[in-house]
C-alpha atoms as a PDB file:
ATOM      1  CA  MET A   1      39.632 -11.460  -9.377  1.00  0.00           C
ATOM      2  CA  GLU A   2      42.528 -10.676  -7.073  1.00  0.00           C
ATOM      3  CA  LEU A   3      41.636  -9.248  -3.676  1.00  0.00           C
ATOM      4  CA  PRO A   4      43.602  -6.395  -2.105  1.00  0.00           C
ATOM      5  CA  LYS A   5      45.763  -7.435   0.860  1.00  0.00           C
ATOM      6  CA  TYR A   6      43.728  -5.239   3.230  1.00  0.00           C
ATOM      7  CA  SER A   7      40.428  -6.756   2.121  1.00  0.00           C
ATOM      8  CA  PRO A   8      38.626  -8.827   4.734  1.00  0.00           C
ATOM      9  CA  LEU A   9      37.798 -11.167   1.878  1.00  0.00           C
ATOM     10  CA  ALA A  10      41.441 -12.060   1.610  1.00  0.00           C
ATOM     11  CA  ASN A  11      41.046 -13.938   4.890  1.00  0.00           C
ATOM     12  CA  ILE A  12      39.476 -17.359   4.872  1.00  0.00           C
ATOM     13  CA  GLY A  13      36.089 -17.285   6.538  1.00  0.00           C
ATOM     14  CA  SER A  14      35.194 -13.732   5.492  1.00  0.00           C
ATOM     15  CA  ILE A  15      32.390 -12.885   3.147  1.00  0.00           C
ATOM     16  CA  LEU A  16      31.193  -9.749   1.449  1.00  0.00           C
ATOM     17  CA  VAL A  17      27.493  -9.005   1.428  1.00  0.00           C
ATOM     18  CA  LEU A  18      26.379  -6.362  -1.064  1.00  0.00           C
ATOM     19  CA  VAL A  19      22.981  -4.789  -0.600  1.00  0.00           C
ATOM     20  CA  LYS A  20      21.730  -2.683  -3.496  1.00  0.00           C
ATOM     21  CA  ASP A  21      19.112  -0.056  -2.751  1.00  0.00           C
ATOM     22  CA  THR A  22      17.750   0.535  -6.262  1.00  0.00           C
ATOM     23  CA  ARG A  23      15.322   3.206  -5.156  1.00  0.00           C
ATOM     24  CA  HIS A  24      18.045   5.533  -3.880  1.00  0.00           C
ATOM     25  CA  GLN A  25      20.817   4.203  -6.135  1.00  0.00           C
ATOM     26  CA  ARG A  26      23.131   3.085  -3.343  1.00  0.00           C
ATOM     27  CA  ILE A  27      25.166  -0.030  -2.704  1.00  0.00           C
ATOM     28  CA  TYR A  28      26.058  -0.996   0.856  1.00  0.00           C
ATOM     29  CA  HIS A  29      29.049  -3.240   1.521  1.00  0.00           C
ATOM     30  CA  PHE A  30      29.083  -5.445   4.598  1.00  0.00           C
ATOM     31  CA  TYR A  31      32.233  -7.424   5.346  1.00  0.00           C
ATOM     32  CA  ILE A  32      31.569 -10.274   7.746  1.00  0.00           C
ATOM     33  CA  LYS A  33      34.213 -12.532   9.252  1.00  0.00           C
ATOM     34  CA  VAL A  34      32.500 -15.841   9.751  1.00  0.00           C
ATOM     35  CA  GLU A  35      33.948 -18.155  12.390  1.00  0.00           C
ATOM     36  CA  HIS A  36      30.855 -20.092  13.306  1.00  0.00           C
ATOM     37  CA  LEU A  37      27.502 -20.544  11.644  1.00  0.00           C
ATOM     38  CA  HIS A  38      25.563 -18.884  14.482  1.00  0.00           C
ATOM     39  CA  LYS A  39      27.713 -15.760  14.189  1.00  0.00           C
ATOM     40  CA  PHE A  40      27.036 -15.651  10.450  1.00  0.00           C
ATOM     41  CA  GLN A  41      23.298 -15.909  11.086  1.00  0.00           C
ATOM     42  CA  SER A  42      23.551 -13.126  13.682  1.00  0.00           C
ATOM     43  CA  ALA A  43      25.454 -10.927  11.220  1.00  0.00           C
ATOM     44  CA  ILE A  44      22.804 -11.453   8.538  1.00  0.00           C
ATOM     45  CA  GLN A  45      20.110 -10.543  11.078  1.00  0.00           C
ATOM     46  CA  ARG A  46      21.990  -7.326  11.952  1.00  0.00           C
ATOM     47  CA  ILE A  47      22.172  -6.420   8.250  1.00  0.00           C
ATOM     48  CA  TYR A  48      18.454  -7.122   7.864  1.00  0.00           C
ATOM     49  CA  HIS A  49      17.596  -4.860  10.828  1.00  0.00           C
ATOM     50  CA  PHE A  50      19.892  -2.129   9.482  1.00  0.00           C
ATOM     51  CA  ILE A  51      18.143  -2.287   6.104  1.00  0.00           C
ATOM     52  CA  LYS A  52      14.749  -1.996   7.791  1.00  0.00           C
ATOM     53  CA  SER A  53      15.876   0.901  10.014  1.00  0.00           C
ATOM     54  CA  ASP A  54      15.477   4.601   9.329  1.00  0.00           C
ATOM     55  CA  LEU A  55      19.252   4.860   8.946  1.00  0.00           C
ATOM     56  CA  PHE A  56      19.123   2.838   5.738  1.00  0.00           C
ATOM     57  CA  VAL A  57      15.907   3.922   4.065  1.00  0.00           C
ATOM     58  CA  MET A  58      15.276   7.508   3.112  1.00  0.00           C
ATOM     59  CA  ALA A  59      11.511   7.512   2.831  1.00  0.00           C
ATOM     60  CA  GLU A  60       9.478   9.452   0.314  1.00  0.00           C
ATOM     61  CA  PRO A  61       8.366  12.832   1.672  1.00  0.00           C
ATOM     62  CA  THR A  62       5.083  12.413   3.528  1.00  0.00           C
ATOM     63  CA  PHE A  63       1.800  14.142   2.749  1.00  0.00           C
ATOM     64  CA  VAL A  64       2.334  16.367   5.785  1.00  0.00           C
ATOM     65  CA  GLN A  65       5.835  17.333   4.601  1.00  0.00           C
ATOM     66  CA  VAL A  66       4.627  18.206   1.094  1.00  0.00           C
ATOM     67  CA  PHE A  67       1.156  19.651   1.791  1.00  0.00           C
ATOM     68  CA  GLY A  68       1.410  20.789   5.435  1.00  0.00           C
ATOM     69  CA  ALA A  69       0.041  19.888   8.843  1.00  0.00           C
ATOM     70  CA  GLY A  70      -3.239  17.985   8.739  1.00  0.00           C
ATOM     71  CA  ALA A  71      -2.766  16.639   5.202  1.00  0.00           C
ATOM     72  CA  THR A  72      -3.749  13.017   4.743  1.00  0.00           C
ATOM     73  CA  ARG A  73      -4.763  10.589   2.023  1.00  0.00           C
ATOM     74  CA  LEU A  74      -8.442   9.633   2.404  1.00  0.00           C
ATOM     75  CA  ALA A  75      -9.893   6.343   1.263  1.00  0.00           C
ATOM     76  CA  SER A  76     -12.677   6.444  -1.302  1.00  0.00           C
ATOM     77  CA  GLY A  77     -15.953   7.331   0.392  1.00  0.00           C
ATOM     78  CA  ALA A  78     -14.269   8.504   3.587  1.00  0.00           C
ATOM     79  CA  THR A  79     -15.605  11.527   5.398  1.00  0.00           C
ATOM     80  CA  THR A  80     -13.232  14.325   6.252  1.00  0.00           C
ATOM     81  CA  PRO A  81     -12.311  14.924   9.886  1.00  0.00           C
ATOM     82  CA  SER A  82     -12.299  18.689   9.336  1.00  0.00           C
ATOM     83  CA  ALA A  83     -12.851  21.335   6.685  1.00  0.00           C
ATOM     84  CA  GLY A  84     -10.210  21.565   3.981  1.00  0.00           C
ATOM     85  CA  LEU A  85      -9.275  21.151   0.371  1.00  0.00           C
ATOM     86  CA  PHE A  86     -10.343  17.947  -1.365  1.00  0.00           C
ATOM     87  CA  ILE A  87      -9.039  16.875  -4.752  1.00  0.00           C
ATOM     88  CA  ALA A  88     -10.843  13.920  -6.293  1.00  0.00           C
ATOM     89  CA  ASP A  89      -8.793  10.982  -7.574  1.00  0.00           C
ATOM     90  CA  SER A  90     -10.321  11.556 -11.009  1.00  0.00           C
ATOM     91  CA  ALA A  91      -8.561  14.933 -11.194  1.00  0.00           C
ATOM     92  CA  LEU A  92      -5.265  13.294 -10.292  1.00  0.00           C
ATOM     93  CA  THR A  93      -5.667  10.415 -12.741  1.00  0.00           C
ATOM     94  CA  GLY A  94      -6.656  12.934 -15.414  1.00  0.00           C
ATOM     95  CA  ALA A  95      -3.202  14.468 -14.961  1.00  0.00           C
ATOM     96  CA  GLY A  96      -1.547  11.071 -15.379  1.00  0.00           C
ATOM     97  CA  LEU A  97      -1.291   9.762 -11.798  1.00  0.00           C
ATOM     98  CA  ALA A  98      -2.164   6.107 -12.394  1.00  0.00           C
ATOM     99  CA  THR A  99      -3.023   4.980  -8.857  1.00  0.00           C
ATOM    100  CA  PRO A 100      -3.560   7.873  -6.438  1.00  0.00           C
ATOM    101  CA  SER A 101      -4.336   5.520  -3.546  1.00  0.00           C
ATOM    102  CA  THR A 102      -0.754   4.207  -3.547  1.00  0.00           C
ATOM    103  CA  ALA A 103       1.074   7.181  -5.076  1.00  0.00           C
ATOM    104  CA  THR A 104       3.633   9.244  -3.205  1.00  0.00           C
ATOM    105  CA  ALA A 105       3.012  12.739  -1.900  1.00  0.00           C
ATOM    106  CA  GLU A 106       5.403  14.011  -4.567  1.00  0.00           C
ATOM    107  CA  GLY A 107       3.354  12.222  -7.236  1.00  0.00           C
ATOM    108  CA  HIS A 108       0.217  13.957  -5.952  1.00  0.00           C
ATOM    109  CA  LEU A 109       1.949  17.342  -6.066  1.00  0.00           C
ATOM    110  CA  VAL A 110       3.142  16.759  -9.641  1.00  0.00           C
ATOM    111  CA  ALA A 111      -0.407  15.808 -10.701  1.00  0.00           C
ATOM    112  CA  ILE A 112      -1.782  18.981  -9.084  1.00  0.00           C
ATOM    113  CA  VAL A 113       0.812  21.174 -10.818  1.00  0.00           C
ATOM    114  CA  VAL A 114       0.269  19.422 -14.181  1.00  0.00           C
ATOM    115  CA  ASN A 115      -3.478  20.089 -13.813  1.00  0.00           C
ATOM    116  CA  ALA A 116      -2.814  23.719 -12.911  1.00  0.00           C
ATOM    117  CA  LYS A 117      -0.560  24.097 -15.959  1.00  0.00           C
ATOM    118  CA  SER A 118      -3.508  23.575 -18.282  1.00  0.00           C
ATOM    119  CA  SER A 119      -5.412  26.621 -16.987  1.00  0.00           C
ATOM    120  CA  LEU A 120      -2.822  28.905 -15.376  1.00  0.00           C
ATOM    121  CA  ILE A 121      -1.210  29.861 -18.671  1.00  0.00           C
ATOM    122  CA  GLN A 122       0.455  33.078 -19.806  1.00  0.00           C
ATOM    123  CA  THR A 123      -2.333  34.121 -22.197  1.00  0.00           C
ATOM    124  CA  SER A 124      -5.053  33.820 -19.535  1.00  0.00           C
ATOM    125  CA  PHE A 125      -2.779  35.690 -17.080  1.00  0.00           C
ATOM    126  CA  GLU A 126      -2.501  38.587 -19.527  1.00  0.00           C
ATOM    127  CA  ALA A 127      -6.273  38.632 -20.146  1.00  0.00           C
ATOM    128  CA  ASN A 128      -7.363  38.219 -16.507  1.00  0.00           C
ATOM    129  CA  ILE A 129      -6.159  40.778 -13.945  1.00  0.00           C
ATOM    130  CA  ASP A 130      -7.365  38.478 -11.113  1.00  0.00           C
ATOM    131  CA  GLN A 131      -5.081  35.586 -12.113  1.00  0.00           C
ATOM    132  CA  SER A 132      -1.901  35.717 -10.032  1.00  0.00           C
ATOM    133  CA  LEU A 133      -0.145  32.499 -11.048  1.00  0.00           C
ATOM    134  CA  ILE A 134       1.408  31.132 -14.209  1.00  0.00           C
ATOM    135  CA  VAL A 135       2.591  27.540 -14.575  1.00  0.00           C
ATOM    136  CA  ALA A 136       4.838  26.986 -17.577  1.00  0.00           C
ATOM    137  CA  ASP A 137       7.280  24.410 -18.880  1.00  0.00           C
ATOM    138  CA  GLY A 138      10.894  25.041 -18.007  1.00  0.00           C
ATOM    139  CA  PHE A 139      13.972  23.472 -19.552  1.00  0.00           C
ATOM    140  CA  SER A 140      14.826  19.804 -19.177  1.00  0.00           C
ATOM    141  CA  SER A 141      18.329  18.867 -18.155  1.00  0.00           C
ATOM    142  CA  PHE A 142      20.250  15.800 -17.092  1.00  0.00           C
ATOM    143  CA  THR A 143      22.194  15.010 -13.964  1.00  0.00           C
ATOM    144  CA  THR A 144      23.688  11.990 -12.235  1.00  0.00           C
ATOM    145  CA  ARG A 145      22.814  10.813  -8.748  1.00  0.00           C
ATOM    146  CA  GLY A 146      23.823   8.121  -6.320  1.00  0.00           C
ATOM    147  CA  ALA A 147      26.895   6.014  -5.866  1.00  0.00           C
ATOM    148  CA  ASP A 148      26.493   4.527  -9.346  1.00  0.00           C
ATOM    149  CA  ASN A 149      26.071   7.969 -10.995  1.00  0.00           C
ATOM    150  CA  THR A 150      22.755   6.908 -12.475  1.00  0.00           C
ATOM    151  CA  ALA A 151      21.513   9.335 -15.135  1.00  0.00           C
ATOM    152  CA  TYR A 152      18.402  11.299 -14.215  1.00  0.00           C
ATOM    153  CA  ARG A 153      16.293  13.586 -16.363  1.00  0.00           C
ATOM    154  CA  GLN A 154      15.230  16.789 -14.600  1.00  0.00           C
ATOM    155  CA  ASP A 155      12.062  18.302 -15.995  1.00  0.00           C
ATOM    156  CA  GLN A 156      11.076  21.780 -14.876  1.00  0.00           C
ATOM    157  CA  LEU A 157       7.687  23.334 -14.345  1.00  0.00           C
ATOM    158  CA  THR A 158       7.983  27.001 -13.479  1.00  0.00           C
ATOM    159  CA  LEU A 159       5.493  28.546 -11.080  1.00  0.00           C
ATOM    160  CA  SER A 160       5.441  32.333 -11.365  1.00  0.00           C
ATOM    161  CA  LEU A 161       3.633  34.349  -8.693  1.00  0.00           C
ATOM    162  CA  ALA A 162       2.491  37.904  -9.436  1.00  0.00           C
ATOM    163  CA  LYS A 163       1.249  40.400  -6.859  1.00  0.00           C
ATOM    164  CA  ILE A 164       1.211  44.133  -6.272  1.00  0.00           C
ATOM    165  CA  ASP A 165       4.695  45.046  -5.065  1.00  0.00           C
ATOM    166  CA  THR A 166       4.226  45.661  -1.332  1.00  0.00           C
ATOM    167  CA  SER A 167       6.773  43.233   0.153  1.00  0.00           C
ATOM    168  CA  SER A 168       9.504  40.837  -0.888  1.00  0.00           C
ATOM    169  CA  THR A 169       8.136  37.775   0.930  1.00  0.00           C
ATOM    170  CA  ILE A 170       5.825  35.161  -0.523  1.00  0.00           C
ATOM    171  CA  ASP A 171       2.567  35.235   1.432  1.00  0.00           C
ATOM    172  CA  PRO A 172      -0.105  32.796   0.200  1.00  0.00           C
ATOM    173  CA  ASN A 173      -2.762  35.318   1.238  1.00  0.00           C
ATOM    174  CA  ASN A 174      -1.597  37.675  -1.534  1.00  0.00           C
ATOM    175  CA  TYR A 175      -2.482  35.342  -4.401  1.00  0.00           C
END
């Protein structure tokens, strides 16, 4: 492989460190000019700290971000610190979430919506005037993401909300 003239690798004593973030489909390039071993070790330590920093990792959305203030994941047998909604792990695993205790907030939300899809269907909506929601399959599509243009499948679940037409905003109290 021939290196471009502007490449730091073209100089003796330079190395390229590639760090692949498989979760977010990114590759980071670090060019390091190594003159002494202690400088090389320091450069590797800087890369390590960058990887561990918030600048490098885009974390999964938290339970609070997905479900709102006060949301938390409780251990089995834990008592709740306040009143609120509780969804048993068995309901989540029944929807296909293999290990709720280590799953992401997004995984929990998908399991909840998949569960809701089994009962909030169009036919029950038409038969029950008190049902305000319908969860239905949408259309799958494909897209590419990340620096490597990795192919992703996008599956859709459509949530339709029906209410008496009094305003154009979505107010959870109306459903």
